[in-house]
Amino acid sequence: MQGKFFEDFTVGEKISTLSRTVTETDIVNFVCLVGITEELFTSIEYIRNRSLFKDRIAPGTLIFALAEGLTMQTGILHDTGLAFLGLKDLRIPAPVYKDDTIRVEIEVVEKRETRKPDRGVVTFVHRVQNQRGEVVMEYTITRMMRRRGEEQGKD
């Protein structure tokens, strides 16, 4: 599957990903993998008795990683995404609990050409929503994208 080229994106366009359930196993494995040893993520007794949430929640970094994975699965960046240029305005207005199901709505908010004719820059807002449609994470991400015509001559 060929991804979308710089020219294929239009400001205001929205793309939706598939959904994915965040399991307790996902949370425990991620926390162990990256070393987030905070009791908020490692001790069910602490979570139930001392946290604001009273049930296991996913670290924001896990949700960001899953959101980017869901974005990749759309195929829009396949062989056309050249670089991750930056991230800003990441906010987490609500927690993601174990067994919540998330999906990402991707909105194109800006496009600009570069001095190099083989690429352009596209800025997206990603809104991660749970199964109730509540936004649980939102961030702005900028990517360098291949321009159409530059795929020719590749083997």
C-alpha atoms as a PDB file:
ATOM      1  CA  MET A   1       0.000   0.000   0.000  1.00  0.00           C
ATOM      2  CA  GLN A   2       1.350   3.395  -0.968  1.00  0.00           C
ATOM      3  CA  GLY A   3       1.041   6.180   1.588  1.00  0.00           C
ATOM      4  CA  LYS A   4      -0.305   9.649   0.930  1.00  0.00           C
ATOM      5  CA  PHE A   5       1.988  12.186  -0.662  1.00  0.00           C
ATOM      6  CA  PHE A   6       2.294  15.801   0.467  1.00  0.00           C
ATOM      7  CA  GLU A   7      -0.031  16.875  -2.350  1.00  0.00           C
ATOM      8  CA  ASP A   8      -2.699  14.360  -1.318  1.00  0.00           C
ATOM      9  CA  PHE A   9      -3.379  15.997   2.050  1.00  0.00           C
ATOM     10  CA  THR A  10      -5.877  18.853   2.326  1.00  0.00           C
ATOM     11  CA  VAL A  11      -6.198  21.187   5.293  1.00  0.00           C
ATOM     12  CA  GLY A  12      -9.327  20.224   7.228  1.00  0.00           C
ATOM     13  CA  GLU A  13      -9.195  16.604   6.087  1.00  0.00           C
ATOM     14  CA  LYS A  14      -9.851  14.021   8.809  1.00  0.00           C
ATOM     15  CA  ILE A  15      -8.619  10.447   8.895  1.00  0.00           C
ATOM     16  CA  SER A  16      -9.793   7.876  11.449  1.00  0.00           C
ATOM     17  CA  THR A  17      -7.779   4.911  12.640  1.00  0.00           C
ATOM     18  CA  LEU A  18      -8.936   1.496  13.685  1.00  0.00           C
ATOM     19  CA  SER A  19      -9.552   1.002  17.393  1.00  0.00           C
ATOM     20  CA  ARG A  20      -7.538  -0.931  19.953  1.00  0.00           C
ATOM     21  CA  THR A  21      -8.293  -2.075  23.485  1.00  0.00           C
ATOM     22  CA  VAL A  22      -5.638  -1.229  26.070  1.00  0.00           C
ATOM     23  CA  THR A  23      -5.236  -4.308  28.263  1.00  0.00           C
ATOM     24  CA  GLU A  24      -3.765  -4.695  31.721  1.00  0.00           C
ATOM     25  CA  THR A  25      -1.021  -6.784  30.108  1.00  0.00           C
ATOM     26  CA  ASP A  26      -0.180  -3.877  27.773  1.00  0.00           C
ATOM     27  CA  ILE A  27       0.162  -1.551  30.750  1.00  0.00           C
ATOM     28  CA  VAL A  28       2.258  -3.915  32.894  1.00  0.00           C
ATOM     29  CA  ASN A  29       4.564  -4.852  30.012  1.00  0.00           C
ATOM     30  CA  PHE A  30       5.094  -1.215  28.987  1.00  0.00           C
ATOM     31  CA  VAL A  31       5.778  -0.072  32.556  1.00  0.00           C
ATOM     32  CA  CYS A  32       8.354  -2.855  32.988  1.00  0.00           C
ATOM     33  CA  LEU A  33       9.924  -2.275  29.567  1.00  0.00           C
ATOM     34  CA  VAL A  34      10.578   1.428  30.057  1.00  0.00           C
ATOM     35  CA  GLY A  35      11.160   1.393  33.811  1.00  0.00           C
ATOM     36  CA  ILE A  36       8.213   3.460  35.013  1.00  0.00           C
ATOM     37  CA  THR A  37       8.370   2.098  38.554  1.00  0.00           C
ATOM     38  CA  GLU A  38       5.967   4.599  40.072  1.00  0.00           C
ATOM     39  CA  GLU A  39       3.433   2.897  42.375  1.00  0.00           C
ATOM     40  CA  LEU A  40       0.627   4.519  40.418  1.00  0.00           C
ATOM     41  CA  PHE A  41       1.428   1.978  37.708  1.00  0.00           C
ATOM     42  CA  THR A  42       2.972  -0.933  39.645  1.00  0.00           C
ATOM     43  CA  SER A  43       0.943  -1.430  42.852  1.00  0.00           C
ATOM     44  CA  ILE A  44      -2.735  -2.322  42.659  1.00  0.00           C
ATOM     45  CA  GLU A  45      -3.059  -1.666  46.420  1.00  0.00           C
ATOM     46  CA  TYR A  46      -1.672   1.842  45.983  1.00  0.00           C
ATOM     47  CA  ILE A  47      -3.954   2.414  43.003  1.00  0.00           C
ATOM     48  CA  ARG A  48      -7.078   1.296  44.881  1.00  0.00           C
ATOM     49  CA  ASN A  49      -6.302   3.009  48.190  1.00  0.00           C
ATOM     50  CA  ARG A  50      -4.249   6.114  47.444  1.00  0.00           C
ATOM     51  CA  SER A  51      -4.663   7.187  43.818  1.00  0.00           C
ATOM     52  CA  LEU A  52      -7.272   9.440  42.298  1.00  0.00           C
ATOM     53  CA  PHE A  53      -8.243   6.747  39.814  1.00  0.00           C
ATOM     54  CA  LYS A  54      -9.044   3.639  41.938  1.00  0.00           C
ATOM     55  CA  ASP A  55      -8.281   1.339  38.993  1.00  0.00           C
ATOM     56  CA  ARG A  56      -5.284   0.658  36.755  1.00  0.00           C
ATOM     57  CA  ILE A  57      -4.589   3.439  34.258  1.00  0.00           C
ATOM     58  CA  ALA A  58      -2.214   3.571  31.311  1.00  0.00           C
ATOM     59  CA  PRO A  59       0.771   5.931  31.344  1.00  0.00           C
ATOM     60  CA  GLY A  60       0.405   8.779  28.867  1.00  0.00           C
ATOM     61  CA  THR A  61       3.570   7.650  27.117  1.00  0.00           C
ATOM     62  CA  LEU A  62       1.929   4.290  26.370  1.00  0.00           C
ATOM     63  CA  ILE A  63      -1.138   5.996  24.929  1.00  0.00           C
ATOM     64  CA  PHE A  64       1.069   8.193  22.743  1.00  0.00           C
ATOM     65  CA  ALA A  65       2.950   5.126  21.477  1.00  0.00           C
ATOM     66  CA  LEU A  66      -0.292   3.267  20.747  1.00  0.00           C
ATOM     67  CA  ALA A  67      -1.755   6.320  18.990  1.00  0.00           C
ATOM     68  CA  GLU A  68       1.292   6.547  16.739  1.00  0.00           C
ATOM     69  CA  GLY A  69       1.042   2.813  16.044  1.00  0.00           C
ATOM     70  CA  LEU A  70      -2.617   3.182  15.074  1.00  0.00           C
ATOM     71  CA  THR A  71      -1.606   6.072  12.818  1.00  0.00           C
ATOM     72  CA  MET A  72       1.005   3.908  11.086  1.00  0.00           C
ATOM     73  CA  GLN A  73      -1.586   1.181  10.557  1.00  0.00           C
ATOM     74  CA  THR A  74      -3.694   3.544   8.422  1.00  0.00           C
ATOM     75  CA  GLY A  75      -0.949   3.348   5.783  1.00  0.00           C
ATOM     76  CA  ILE A  76      -0.934   7.109   5.163  1.00  0.00           C
ATOM     77  CA  LEU A  77       2.794   7.327   5.936  1.00  0.00           C
ATOM     78  CA  HIS A  78       3.945   4.176   4.157  1.00  0.00           C
ATOM     79  CA  ASP A  79       6.951   5.091   1.989  1.00  0.00           C
ATOM     80  CA  THR A  80       5.914   8.759   2.045  1.00  0.00           C
ATOM     81  CA  GLY A  81       6.616   9.801   5.628  1.00  0.00           C
ATOM     82  CA  LEU A  82      10.206  11.048   5.596  1.00  0.00           C
ATOM     83  CA  ALA A  83      10.712  12.431   9.103  1.00  0.00           C
ATOM     84  CA  PHE A  84       9.035  13.137  12.428  1.00  0.00           C
ATOM     85  CA  LEU A  85       9.839  16.841  12.868  1.00  0.00           C
ATOM     86  CA  GLY A  86       8.222  17.717  16.148  1.00  0.00           C
ATOM     87  CA  LEU A  87       5.525  17.384  18.746  1.00  0.00           C
ATOM     88  CA  LYS A  88       3.791  20.137  20.673  1.00  0.00           C
ATOM     89  CA  ASP A  89       0.775  20.901  22.804  1.00  0.00           C
ATOM     90  CA  LEU A  90       0.349  17.358  24.096  1.00  0.00           C
ATOM     91  CA  ARG A  91      -2.405  17.253  26.672  1.00  0.00           C
ATOM     92  CA  ILE A  92      -4.151  14.449  28.517  1.00  0.00           C
ATOM     93  CA  PRO A  93      -7.631  15.618  29.582  1.00  0.00           C
ATOM     94  CA  ALA A  94      -8.808  12.200  30.818  1.00  0.00           C
ATOM     95  CA  PRO A  95      -7.230   8.905  31.891  1.00  0.00           C
ATOM     96  CA  VAL A  96      -7.225   5.685  29.891  1.00  0.00           C
ATOM     97  CA  TYR A  97      -8.170   2.760  32.102  1.00  0.00           C
ATOM     98  CA  LYS A  98      -7.347  -0.889  31.493  1.00  0.00           C
ATOM     99  CA  ASP A  99      -9.827  -2.338  28.986  1.00  0.00           C
ATOM    100  CA  ASP A 100     -10.654   1.060  27.464  1.00  0.00           C
ATOM    101  CA  THR A 101     -10.689   1.052  23.684  1.00  0.00           C
ATOM    102  CA  ILE A 102      -8.981   3.922  21.891  1.00  0.00           C
ATOM    103  CA  ARG A 103      -8.899   5.237  18.349  1.00  0.00           C
ATOM    104  CA  VAL A 104      -7.333   8.330  16.792  1.00  0.00           C
ATOM    105  CA  GLU A 105      -8.901  11.053  14.702  1.00  0.00           C
ATOM    106  CA  ILE A 106      -6.183  12.732  12.652  1.00  0.00           C
ATOM    107  CA  GLU A 107      -6.857  16.212  11.275  1.00  0.00           C
ATOM    108  CA  VAL A 108      -4.640  17.988   8.750  1.00  0.00           C
ATOM    109  CA  VAL A 109      -4.218  21.537  10.072  1.00  0.00           C
ATOM    110  CA  GLU A 110      -1.355  22.971   7.999  1.00  0.00           C
ATOM    111  CA  LYS A 111       0.746  22.274   4.911  1.00  0.00           C
ATOM    112  CA  ARG A 112       3.784  24.110   3.682  1.00  0.00           C
ATOM    113  CA  GLU A 113       6.227  23.624   0.876  1.00  0.00           C
ATOM    114  CA  THR A 114       9.957  23.535   1.511  1.00  0.00           C
ATOM    115  CA  ARG A 115      12.884  24.774  -0.562  1.00  0.00           C
ATOM    116  CA  LYS A 116      13.522  21.193  -1.603  1.00  0.00           C
ATOM    117  CA  PRO A 117      11.196  20.040  -4.384  1.00  0.00           C
ATOM    118  CA  ASP A 118      11.002  16.427  -3.198  1.00  0.00           C
ATOM    119  CA  ARG A 119       9.305  17.143   0.139  1.00  0.00           C
ATOM    120  CA  GLY A 120       6.803  19.206   2.068  1.00  0.00           C
ATOM    121  CA  VAL A 121       5.761  19.613   5.694  1.00  0.00           C
ATOM    122  CA  VAL A 122       2.347  18.632   7.036  1.00  0.00           C
ATOM    123  CA  THR A 123       1.049  19.404  10.530  1.00  0.00           C
ATOM    124  CA  PHE A 124      -1.646  17.226  12.071  1.00  0.00           C
ATOM    125  CA  VAL A 125      -3.712  17.324  15.255  1.00  0.00           C
ATOM    126  CA  HIS A 126      -4.237  13.851  16.691  1.00  0.00           C
ATOM    127  CA  ARG A 127      -7.232  13.372  18.987  1.00  0.00           C
ATOM    128  CA  VAL A 128      -7.202  10.070  20.837  1.00  0.00           C
ATOM    129  CA  GLN A 129     -10.701   9.070  21.933  1.00  0.00           C
ATOM    130  CA  ASN A 130     -11.986   6.289  24.146  1.00  0.00           C
ATOM    131  CA  GLN A 131     -14.972   4.045  23.470  1.00  0.00           C
ATOM    132  CA  ARG A 132     -17.326   6.766  24.749  1.00  0.00           C
ATOM    133  CA  GLY A 133     -15.939   9.351  22.325  1.00  0.00           C
ATOM    134  CA  GLU A 134     -14.167  11.283  25.094  1.00  0.00           C
ATOM    135  CA  VAL A 135     -10.844  12.845  24.122  1.00  0.00           C
ATOM    136  CA  VAL A 136      -8.173  11.262  26.331  1.00  0.00           C
ATOM    137  CA  MET A 137      -5.130  12.737  24.567  1.00  0.00           C
ATOM    138  CA  GLU A 138      -4.555  15.442  21.998  1.00  0.00           C
ATOM    139  CA  TYR A 139      -1.334  16.567  20.365  1.00  0.00           C
ATOM    140  CA  THR A 140       0.004  18.426  17.354  1.00  0.00           C
ATOM    141  CA  ILE A 141       2.603  16.615  15.282  1.00  0.00           C
ATOM    142  CA  THR A 142       4.624  17.788  12.293  1.00  0.00           C
ATOM    143  CA  ARG A 143       5.953  15.405   9.662  1.00  0.00           C
ATOM    144  CA  MET A 144       8.070  15.778   6.540  1.00  0.00           C
ATOM    145  CA  MET A 145       6.293  14.081   3.630  1.00  0.00           C
ATOM    146  CA  ARG A 146       7.469  12.938   0.229  1.00  0.00           C
ATOM    147  CA  ARG A 147       6.083  14.866  -2.752  1.00  0.00           C
ATOM    148  CA  ARG A 148       4.425  13.133  -5.679  1.00  0.00           C
ATOM    149  CA  GLY A 149       6.740  12.301  -8.564  1.00  0.00           C
ATOM    150  CA  GLU A 150       9.633  11.533  -6.250  1.00  0.00           C
ATOM    151  CA  GLU A 151       8.624   7.870  -6.056  1.00  0.00           C
ATOM    152  CA  GLN A 152       9.556   7.327  -9.697  1.00  0.00           C
ATOM    153  CA  GLY A 153      12.910   5.775 -10.357  1.00  0.00           C
ATOM    154  CA  LYS A 154      12.773   3.739  -7.155  1.00  0.00           C
ATOM    155  CA  ASP A 155      13.195  -0.015  -7.452  1.00  0.00           C
END
